[in-house]
Amino acid sequence: MTPHRRCAPAGWRVPLRDERGNTAIEAAITVPVLIMLVLLFVAGARLSLAGQKTDAAAEAAARAASLERTPGQGLEAAKRAARDALSGEQQACTSVAVRADTSGLAVPVGTVSAVTVRVECRVPVGDLLLFGGGPGIRTVSSTFTSVVDAFRSRT
């Protein structure tokens, strides 16, 4: 009795060694890389969206401050408008800082002036990391300037 020899059909090659298990090894290498790419995409999207919403909040805050009559009222209006804009948009900020230069509201009537507001939003991205470390919180900031009506009373 002669041993049976496996012959491959014409055009097929006979594997020189057993390839069982290669798919598992390929998956073990590829899947973590794909997961990290997806998490990187999510972090980028979260930061981009935070930047857009921070821009809108700074614009709303500067506009609200420029409509007030005194620097103190302008600062309070800017803080309120920025916080409302960010909370209404369901922004995932851990903290919001609003700085306003409302000295333009203290100039005499007839003088052209402006109010500048800077809004900073701290966005958490550490929850996207699988193995700890890295940047846990990123700060996104935006500055906007709004012109104060030169002939509006400032009493």
N, C-alpha and C. Protein backbone atom coordinates (compact mmCIF):
# COMPACT_ATOMS: atom_id res chain seq x y z
N MET A 1 0.83 -1.14 0.00
CA MET A 1 0.00 0.00 0.00
C MET A 1 0.89 1.24 0.00
N THR A 2 0.61 2.14 -0.88
CA THR A 2 1.42 3.35 -0.99
C THR A 2 0.71 4.50 -0.27
N PRO A 3 1.49 5.34 0.33
CA PRO A 3 0.86 6.48 1.03
C PRO A 3 0.18 7.39 0.01
N HIS A 4 -0.94 7.95 0.43
CA HIS A 4 -1.68 8.86 -0.44
C HIS A 4 -1.00 10.21 -0.46
N ARG A 5 -0.83 10.70 -1.62
CA ARG A 5 -0.22 12.00 -1.78
C ARG A 5 -1.30 12.97 -2.19
N ARG A 6 -1.36 14.10 -1.50
CA ARG A 6 -2.38 15.10 -1.84
C ARG A 6 -1.90 15.90 -3.04
N CYS A 7 -2.70 15.96 -4.00
CA CYS A 7 -2.38 16.74 -5.19
C CYS A 7 -3.36 17.88 -5.28
N ALA A 8 -2.85 19.05 -5.57
CA ALA A 8 -3.70 20.23 -5.72
C ALA A 8 -4.21 20.29 -7.14
N PRO A 9 -5.43 20.77 -7.30
CA PRO A 9 -5.94 20.94 -8.67
C PRO A 9 -5.04 21.89 -9.44
N ALA A 10 -5.13 21.84 -10.72
CA ALA A 10 -4.29 22.67 -11.58
C ALA A 10 -4.52 24.14 -11.25
N GLY A 11 -3.45 24.90 -11.11
CA GLY A 11 -3.54 26.33 -10.83
C GLY A 11 -3.53 26.66 -9.34
N TRP A 12 -3.65 25.70 -8.48
CA TRP A 12 -3.64 25.94 -7.04
C TRP A 12 -2.26 25.61 -6.52
N ARG A 13 -1.87 26.30 -5.53
CA ARG A 13 -0.58 25.97 -4.93
C ARG A 13 -0.81 25.20 -3.64
N VAL A 14 0.09 24.40 -3.32
CA VAL A 14 0.02 23.60 -2.10
C VAL A 14 0.75 24.37 -1.01
N PRO A 15 0.10 24.68 0.12
CA PRO A 15 0.80 25.40 1.17
C PRO A 15 1.95 24.57 1.71
N LEU A 16 3.06 25.23 1.92
CA LEU A 16 4.24 24.53 2.40
C LEU A 16 4.16 24.26 3.90
N ARG A 17 3.34 25.03 4.60
CA ARG A 17 3.19 24.80 6.03
C ARG A 17 1.75 25.06 6.42
N ASP A 18 1.41 24.69 7.59
CA ASP A 18 0.06 24.85 8.09
C ASP A 18 -0.18 26.32 8.45
N GLU A 19 -1.25 26.95 7.95
CA GLU A 19 -1.53 28.36 8.18
C GLU A 19 -2.66 28.58 9.17
N ARG A 20 -3.03 27.57 9.88
CA ARG A 20 -4.08 27.74 10.88
C ARG A 20 -3.61 28.69 11.98
N GLY A 21 -4.51 29.60 12.42
CA GLY A 21 -4.18 30.53 13.48
C GLY A 21 -3.69 31.88 13.01
N ASN A 22 -3.39 32.02 11.73
CA ASN A 22 -2.90 33.30 11.22
C ASN A 22 -3.96 34.39 11.34
N THR A 23 -5.20 34.04 11.15
CA THR A 23 -6.27 35.04 11.24
C THR A 23 -6.37 35.60 12.65
N ALA A 24 -6.22 34.76 13.63
CA ALA A 24 -6.27 35.23 15.02
C ALA A 24 -5.12 36.17 15.33
N ILE A 25 -3.96 35.88 14.82
CA ILE A 25 -2.79 36.74 15.03
C ILE A 25 -2.99 38.07 14.33
N GLU A 26 -3.48 38.04 13.11
CA GLU A 26 -3.75 39.28 12.38
C GLU A 26 -4.79 40.13 13.09
N ALA A 27 -5.82 39.50 13.61
CA ALA A 27 -6.85 40.24 14.34
C ALA A 27 -6.29 40.83 15.62
N ALA A 28 -5.44 40.09 16.31
CA ALA A 28 -4.85 40.58 17.55
C ALA A 28 -3.97 41.80 17.32
N ILE A 29 -3.41 41.92 16.13
CA ILE A 29 -2.59 43.08 15.80
C ILE A 29 -3.44 44.23 15.26
N THR A 30 -4.41 43.93 14.44
CA THR A 30 -5.18 44.95 13.73
C THR A 30 -6.27 45.59 14.59
N VAL A 31 -6.99 44.82 15.39
CA VAL A 31 -8.13 45.35 16.14
C VAL A 31 -7.71 46.46 17.11
N PRO A 32 -6.66 46.34 17.91
CA PRO A 32 -6.29 47.46 18.80
C PRO A 32 -5.93 48.73 18.03
N VAL A 33 -5.29 48.57 16.89
CA VAL A 33 -4.95 49.73 16.08
C VAL A 33 -6.22 50.41 15.57
N LEU A 34 -7.18 49.64 15.13
CA LEU A 34 -8.44 50.22 14.66
C LEU A 34 -9.20 50.90 15.79
N ILE A 35 -9.20 50.31 16.97
CA ILE A 35 -9.87 50.92 18.12
C ILE A 35 -9.21 52.25 18.47
N MET A 36 -7.90 52.31 18.46
CA MET A 36 -7.20 53.56 18.76
C MET A 36 -7.50 54.63 17.71
N LEU A 37 -7.60 54.25 16.45
CA LEU A 37 -7.96 55.21 15.40
C LEU A 37 -9.36 55.77 15.61
N VAL A 38 -10.30 54.92 15.99
CA VAL A 38 -11.67 55.37 16.25
C VAL A 38 -11.69 56.33 17.44
N LEU A 39 -10.97 56.00 18.51
CA LEU A 39 -10.92 56.88 19.68
C LEU A 39 -10.24 58.21 19.37
N LEU A 40 -9.23 58.18 18.52
CA LEU A 40 -8.58 59.41 18.09
C LEU A 40 -9.55 60.27 17.29
N PHE A 41 -10.34 59.66 16.44
CA PHE A 41 -11.34 60.38 15.67
C PHE A 41 -12.39 61.01 16.60
N VAL A 42 -12.84 60.27 17.60
CA VAL A 42 -13.83 60.78 18.55
C VAL A 42 -13.25 61.96 19.34
N ALA A 43 -12.00 61.87 19.77
CA ALA A 43 -11.37 62.97 20.50
C ALA A 43 -11.26 64.21 19.62
N GLY A 44 -10.86 64.02 18.36
CA GLY A 44 -10.78 65.15 17.44
C GLY A 44 -12.13 65.79 17.20
N ALA A 45 -13.16 64.98 17.05
CA ALA A 45 -14.51 65.50 16.84
C ALA A 45 -14.99 66.26 18.07
N ARG A 46 -14.71 65.71 19.26
CA ARG A 46 -15.13 66.37 20.50
C ARG A 46 -14.45 67.74 20.64
N LEU A 47 -13.15 67.81 20.34
CA LEU A 47 -12.44 69.08 20.43
C LEU A 47 -12.88 70.07 19.37
N SER A 48 -13.16 69.59 18.18
CA SER A 48 -13.63 70.47 17.12
C SER A 48 -14.99 71.06 17.46
N LEU A 49 -15.88 70.23 17.95
CA LEU A 49 -17.20 70.70 18.34
C LEU A 49 -17.11 71.68 19.51
N ALA A 50 -16.23 71.40 20.45
CA ALA A 50 -16.04 72.32 21.58
C ALA A 50 -15.52 73.66 21.10
N GLY A 51 -14.62 73.65 20.12
CA GLY A 51 -14.11 74.90 19.57
C GLY A 51 -15.19 75.72 18.91
N GLN A 52 -16.06 75.07 18.16
CA GLN A 52 -17.15 75.78 17.49
C GLN A 52 -18.12 76.37 18.51
N LYS A 53 -18.44 75.60 19.54
CA LYS A 53 -19.38 76.09 20.54
C LYS A 53 -18.76 77.18 21.41
N THR A 54 -17.46 77.10 21.64
CA THR A 54 -16.77 78.15 22.40
C THR A 54 -16.73 79.44 21.59
N ASP A 55 -16.55 79.34 20.27
CA ASP A 55 -16.62 80.52 19.41
C ASP A 55 -17.99 81.19 19.51
N ALA A 56 -19.04 80.39 19.44
CA ALA A 56 -20.40 80.94 19.52
C ALA A 56 -20.65 81.56 20.90
N ALA A 57 -20.13 80.95 21.96
CA ALA A 57 -20.31 81.49 23.30
C ALA A 57 -19.58 82.82 23.46
N ALA A 58 -18.36 82.93 22.91
CA ALA A 58 -17.61 84.18 23.00
C ALA A 58 -18.32 85.29 22.23
N GLU A 59 -18.87 84.94 21.08
CA GLU A 59 -19.61 85.94 20.29
C GLU A 59 -20.84 86.42 21.05
N ALA A 60 -21.59 85.50 21.62
CA ALA A 60 -22.80 85.87 22.38
C ALA A 60 -22.44 86.69 23.61
N ALA A 61 -21.35 86.33 24.28
CA ALA A 61 -20.93 87.06 25.48
C ALA A 61 -20.50 88.48 25.14
N ALA A 62 -19.74 88.65 24.07
CA ALA A 62 -19.28 89.99 23.68
C ALA A 62 -20.47 90.86 23.26
N ARG A 63 -21.39 90.27 22.54
CA ARG A 63 -22.58 91.03 22.12
C ARG A 63 -23.41 91.45 23.34
N ALA A 64 -23.61 90.54 24.29
CA ALA A 64 -24.38 90.85 25.49
C ALA A 64 -23.69 91.94 26.32
N ALA A 65 -22.36 91.86 26.43
CA ALA A 65 -21.63 92.86 27.20
C ALA A 65 -21.69 94.23 26.53
N SER A 66 -21.64 94.26 25.21
CA SER A 66 -21.65 95.55 24.51
C SER A 66 -22.99 96.26 24.61
N LEU A 67 -24.04 95.55 24.95
CA LEU A 67 -25.37 96.16 25.07
C LEU A 67 -25.62 96.74 26.46
N GLU A 68 -24.75 96.46 27.42
CA GLU A 68 -24.94 96.98 28.78
C GLU A 68 -24.41 98.40 28.88
N ARG A 69 -24.72 99.06 29.99
CA ARG A 69 -24.38 100.48 30.14
C ARG A 69 -23.14 100.73 31.01
N THR A 70 -22.81 99.80 31.89
CA THR A 70 -21.64 99.99 32.77
C THR A 70 -20.70 98.79 32.63
N PRO A 71 -19.42 98.97 32.96
CA PRO A 71 -18.49 97.85 32.88
C PRO A 71 -18.88 96.67 33.77
N GLY A 72 -19.37 96.93 34.96
CA GLY A 72 -19.78 95.85 35.86
C GLY A 72 -20.94 95.05 35.30
N GLN A 73 -21.94 95.76 34.77
CA GLN A 73 -23.08 95.07 34.16
C GLN A 73 -22.64 94.31 32.92
N GLY A 74 -21.70 94.89 32.17
CA GLY A 74 -21.19 94.22 30.98
C GLY A 74 -20.48 92.92 31.30
N LEU A 75 -19.68 92.92 32.37
CA LEU A 75 -18.97 91.70 32.78
C LEU A 75 -19.95 90.62 33.20
N GLU A 76 -20.96 90.99 34.00
CA GLU A 76 -21.96 90.01 34.43
C GLU A 76 -22.75 89.47 33.25
N ALA A 77 -23.11 90.35 32.31
CA ALA A 77 -23.87 89.92 31.13
C ALA A 77 -23.04 88.98 30.27
N ALA A 78 -21.74 89.25 30.17
CA ALA A 78 -20.85 88.39 29.37
C ALA A 78 -20.76 87.00 29.99
N LYS A 79 -20.57 86.95 31.31
CA LYS A 79 -20.48 85.65 31.99
C LYS A 79 -21.78 84.86 31.84
N ARG A 80 -22.89 85.53 32.03
CA ARG A 80 -24.19 84.86 31.94
C ARG A 80 -24.44 84.35 30.52
N ALA A 81 -24.14 85.18 29.52
CA ALA A 81 -24.38 84.78 28.13
C ALA A 81 -23.48 83.61 27.72
N ALA A 82 -22.22 83.61 28.15
CA ALA A 82 -21.31 82.52 27.79
C ALA A 82 -21.74 81.22 28.44
N ARG A 83 -22.10 81.27 29.71
CA ARG A 83 -22.53 80.06 30.40
C ARG A 83 -23.84 79.53 29.81
N ASP A 84 -24.75 80.43 29.48
CA ASP A 84 -26.01 80.00 28.85
C ASP A 84 -25.76 79.36 27.49
N ALA A 85 -24.86 79.95 26.72
CA ALA A 85 -24.58 79.42 25.38
C ALA A 85 -23.95 78.03 25.46
N LEU A 86 -23.06 77.83 26.42
CA LEU A 86 -22.39 76.54 26.52
C LEU A 86 -23.28 75.48 27.17
N SER A 87 -24.08 75.87 28.14
CA SER A 87 -24.96 74.87 28.77
C SER A 87 -26.13 74.52 27.87
N GLY A 88 -26.62 75.47 27.10
CA GLY A 88 -27.73 75.21 26.20
C GLY A 88 -27.35 74.29 25.05
N GLU A 89 -26.08 74.26 24.73
CA GLU A 89 -25.60 73.42 23.63
C GLU A 89 -25.17 72.04 24.13
N GLN A 90 -25.39 71.76 25.39
CA GLN A 90 -25.00 70.49 25.99
C GLN A 90 -23.51 70.20 25.79
N GLN A 91 -22.71 71.22 26.02
CA GLN A 91 -21.28 71.10 25.86
C GLN A 91 -20.68 70.37 27.05
N ALA A 92 -19.74 69.50 26.80
CA ALA A 92 -19.11 68.72 27.87
C ALA A 92 -17.91 69.44 28.44
N CYS A 93 -18.11 70.65 28.95
CA CYS A 93 -17.03 71.40 29.59
C CYS A 93 -16.99 71.05 31.06
N THR A 94 -15.79 70.80 31.57
CA THR A 94 -15.68 70.57 33.01
C THR A 94 -15.67 71.89 33.75
N SER A 95 -15.16 72.95 33.10
CA SER A 95 -15.22 74.29 33.68
C SER A 95 -15.17 75.32 32.56
N VAL A 96 -15.77 76.46 32.84
CA VAL A 96 -15.81 77.56 31.87
C VAL A 96 -15.25 78.80 32.54
N ALA A 97 -14.33 79.48 31.88
CA ALA A 97 -13.77 80.73 32.38
C ALA A 97 -14.10 81.83 31.38
N VAL A 98 -14.61 82.94 31.87
CA VAL A 98 -14.96 84.07 31.02
C VAL A 98 -14.20 85.29 31.51
N ARG A 99 -13.43 85.90 30.62
CA ARG A 99 -12.73 87.14 30.92
C ARG A 99 -13.20 88.19 29.94
N ALA A 100 -13.58 89.35 30.46
CA ALA A 100 -14.10 90.40 29.58
C ALA A 100 -13.38 91.71 29.87
N ASP A 101 -13.00 92.38 28.80
CA ASP A 101 -12.46 93.73 28.90
C ASP A 101 -13.62 94.67 28.56
N THR A 102 -14.27 95.17 29.60
CA THR A 102 -15.44 96.03 29.40
C THR A 102 -15.11 97.49 29.60
N SER A 103 -13.83 97.85 29.54
CA SER A 103 -13.44 99.25 29.73
C SER A 103 -14.01 100.15 28.64
N GLY A 104 -14.39 99.58 27.52
CA GLY A 104 -15.00 100.37 26.46
C GLY A 104 -16.36 100.92 26.82
N LEU A 105 -16.97 100.39 27.87
CA LEU A 105 -18.26 100.91 28.32
C LEU A 105 -18.11 102.14 29.21
N ALA A 106 -16.88 102.44 29.65
CA ALA A 106 -16.64 103.56 30.54
C ALA A 106 -16.19 104.83 29.81
N VAL A 107 -16.03 104.76 28.50
CA VAL A 107 -15.57 105.94 27.75
C VAL A 107 -16.74 106.91 27.56
N PRO A 108 -16.44 108.20 27.32
CA PRO A 108 -17.52 109.17 27.14
C PRO A 108 -18.35 108.88 25.89
N VAL A 109 -19.60 109.34 25.90
CA VAL A 109 -20.49 109.17 24.77
C VAL A 109 -19.89 109.88 23.56
N GLY A 110 -19.96 109.24 22.40
CA GLY A 110 -19.40 109.79 21.17
C GLY A 110 -18.05 109.20 20.83
N THR A 111 -17.46 108.47 21.75
CA THR A 111 -16.16 107.84 21.53
C THR A 111 -16.38 106.40 21.07
N VAL A 112 -15.69 106.03 20.00
CA VAL A 112 -15.81 104.66 19.51
C VAL A 112 -15.01 103.75 20.43
N SER A 113 -15.62 102.66 20.86
CA SER A 113 -14.95 101.72 21.75
C SER A 113 -15.45 100.30 21.46
N ALA A 114 -14.86 99.35 22.15
CA ALA A 114 -15.23 97.95 21.94
C ALA A 114 -15.13 97.18 23.25
N VAL A 115 -15.78 96.04 23.27
CA VAL A 115 -15.74 95.11 24.39
C VAL A 115 -15.17 93.81 23.85
N THR A 116 -14.18 93.26 24.55
CA THR A 116 -13.55 92.01 24.13
C THR A 116 -13.78 90.96 25.20
N VAL A 117 -14.22 89.78 24.78
CA VAL A 117 -14.50 88.69 25.72
C VAL A 117 -13.70 87.46 25.28
N ARG A 118 -13.10 86.80 26.27
CA ARG A 118 -12.38 85.54 26.03
C ARG A 118 -13.06 84.45 26.85
N VAL A 119 -13.45 83.38 26.18
CA VAL A 119 -14.10 82.25 26.83
C VAL A 119 -13.18 81.04 26.72
N GLU A 120 -12.94 80.39 27.86
CA GLU A 120 -12.12 79.17 27.89
C GLU A 120 -12.98 78.02 28.41
N CYS A 121 -12.91 76.91 27.72
CA CYS A 121 -13.68 75.72 28.07
C CYS A 121 -12.71 74.55 28.21
N ARG A 122 -12.75 73.88 29.33
CA ARG A 122 -11.89 72.70 29.54
C ARG A 122 -12.68 71.46 29.16
N VAL A 123 -12.18 70.74 28.16
CA VAL A 123 -12.88 69.58 27.60
C VAL A 123 -12.16 68.29 28.01
N PRO A 124 -12.88 67.35 28.62
CA PRO A 124 -12.25 66.08 29.00
C PRO A 124 -12.09 65.16 27.80
N VAL A 125 -10.88 64.64 27.63
CA VAL A 125 -10.64 63.62 26.59
C VAL A 125 -9.95 62.40 27.17
N GLY A 126 -9.67 62.43 28.47
CA GLY A 126 -9.00 61.31 29.13
C GLY A 126 -9.83 60.05 29.17
N ASP A 127 -11.17 60.20 29.10
CA ASP A 127 -12.03 59.02 29.13
C ASP A 127 -11.93 58.21 27.84
N LEU A 128 -11.30 58.76 26.83
CA LEU A 128 -11.14 58.04 25.56
C LEU A 128 -9.88 57.19 25.53
N LEU A 129 -9.02 57.34 26.53
CA LEU A 129 -7.77 56.59 26.55
C LEU A 129 -7.99 55.23 27.19
N LEU A 130 -7.44 54.22 26.57
CA LEU A 130 -7.62 52.88 27.09
C LEU A 130 -6.65 52.57 28.22
N PHE A 131 -5.45 53.10 28.15
CA PHE A 131 -4.41 52.72 29.09
C PHE A 131 -3.90 53.88 29.93
N GLY A 132 -4.73 54.83 30.25
CA GLY A 132 -4.34 55.95 31.11
C GLY A 132 -3.22 56.77 30.51
N GLY A 133 -2.91 57.87 31.16
CA GLY A 133 -1.86 58.74 30.67
C GLY A 133 -2.37 59.61 29.53
N GLY A 134 -1.50 60.43 29.01
CA GLY A 134 -1.89 61.30 27.92
C GLY A 134 -2.66 62.51 28.43
N PRO A 135 -3.10 63.35 27.51
CA PRO A 135 -3.80 64.56 27.92
C PRO A 135 -5.22 64.23 28.39
N GLY A 136 -5.49 64.43 29.66
CA GLY A 136 -6.81 64.13 30.20
C GLY A 136 -7.80 65.24 29.94
N ILE A 137 -7.31 66.49 29.92
CA ILE A 137 -8.19 67.65 29.70
C ILE A 137 -7.48 68.60 28.75
N ARG A 138 -8.21 69.07 27.77
CA ARG A 138 -7.69 70.06 26.82
C ARG A 138 -8.48 71.35 27.00
N THR A 139 -7.82 72.48 26.89
CA THR A 139 -8.48 73.77 27.02
C THR A 139 -8.69 74.36 25.64
N VAL A 140 -9.94 74.70 25.36
CA VAL A 140 -10.31 75.33 24.09
C VAL A 140 -10.72 76.76 24.42
N SER A 141 -10.17 77.72 23.71
CA SER A 141 -10.49 79.12 24.01
C SER A 141 -10.85 79.87 22.75
N SER A 142 -11.61 80.94 22.95
CA SER A 142 -12.02 81.77 21.83
C SER A 142 -12.17 83.20 22.32
N THR A 143 -11.81 84.15 21.46
CA THR A 143 -11.91 85.57 21.79
C THR A 143 -12.76 86.26 20.73
N PHE A 144 -13.63 87.15 21.18
CA PHE A 144 -14.47 87.90 20.25
C PHE A 144 -14.57 89.34 20.73
N THR A 145 -14.59 90.27 19.78
CA THR A 145 -14.71 91.70 20.09
C THR A 145 -15.98 92.24 19.45
N SER A 146 -16.73 93.01 20.23
CA SER A 146 -17.95 93.63 19.74
C SER A 146 -17.86 95.14 19.95
N VAL A 147 -18.24 95.89 18.95
CA VAL A 147 -18.17 97.34 19.01
C VAL A 147 -19.33 97.87 19.84
N VAL A 148 -19.01 98.87 20.68
CA VAL A 148 -20.02 99.52 21.51
C VAL A 148 -20.56 100.72 20.74
N ASP A 149 -21.87 100.88 20.77
CA ASP A 149 -22.51 102.01 20.09
C ASP A 149 -21.95 103.32 20.68
N ALA A 150 -21.36 104.14 19.82
CA ALA A 150 -20.69 105.36 20.29
C ALA A 150 -21.67 106.37 20.88
N PHE A 151 -22.91 106.37 20.47
CA PHE A 151 -23.85 107.39 20.92
C PHE A 151 -24.90 106.86 21.88
N ARG A 152 -24.66 105.69 22.44
CA ARG A 152 -25.59 105.13 23.42
C ARG A 152 -25.22 105.69 24.80
N SER A 153 -26.23 106.02 25.58
CA SER A 153 -25.94 106.56 26.91
C SER A 153 -25.31 105.49 27.78
N ARG A 154 -24.47 105.94 28.70
CA ARG A 154 -23.74 105.01 29.56
C ARG A 154 -23.95 105.36 31.01
N THR A 155 -25.14 105.55 31.40
CA THR A 155 -25.40 105.95 32.80
C THR A 155 -25.75 104.74 33.64
